[in-house]
Amino acid sequence: MYSTLIISATVIAIIIIFYLIFLIRFLVNRKKGTQKHTETLEKSISETIPIIRYMPDYQCYLLKNKTYMDIIQIRTKDLNSIDMDERSFEKGQIMKLLRMMGSDCKIIALNYPCNTQEQQRFLVYKIQTTHNKQFQYWLEKSRKELEWLEKNKTFREYYLMFFSESLEIHQKNLNVILESLGSDAYGLAIPIDAKKKHNILFKLSNQTSVI
């Protein structure tokens, strides 16, 4: 009986040893697989977003291949509310731009949140400076409508993303765009600040995220 207990204990010890070896190998392989997945993911992100940094002095992005990228907003208009002459003129502006641009460019469409902060600040100022209760009521109602629009409404906006081989060519391309499309109150080109450019790129890289 004593020998039987020894044999049983030996068998159990062997089983435990084999189990520990299996568990250790499993954990090591799992760790290697996780590291491999992480390296692949980081490489994928690096290839998808080739931006090194934003250059405030030139208001454009430096890319990893030592080229430059910038974004200009395109003013949209209701085609049903303009006459044929104006349509033809603006088509000519676009065609002129495409002929004169010596670098790659692409047009991007994006649903961008409605920004009513400036209007809301003005209404808040008017509410605080008026003593007419009825006037305050309608001002506050208008402010709440603007607040609702900002939270629930988006606009379809269009942007021109263009690429340049050097800073000199970038400035030349920018001038061509502004001159071809026009940058005044009636022109098709709208320069945008760095914050909006960052938001556009973030949205393009995270389609399901809210700006």
Foldseek 3Di string as FASTA:
>chain_A
DVVVVVVVVVVVVVVVVVVVVVVVVVVVVVVVVVVVVVVVVVVVVCVVDQFDDADVVLRWTQGNVRKIKHKWWFDDDDPVPDDPVVVVLQVQLVVQLVVPQPFDKDKDKDWAADDCVVVLVVLVVVLVPDPDPVVNVVSVVVSVVSVVSRVPPTDIIMMMMTMGNDSVSVVVSVVSNCVSQPDPPPGGIDDDHPVVVVVVVVCVVPVPDHD
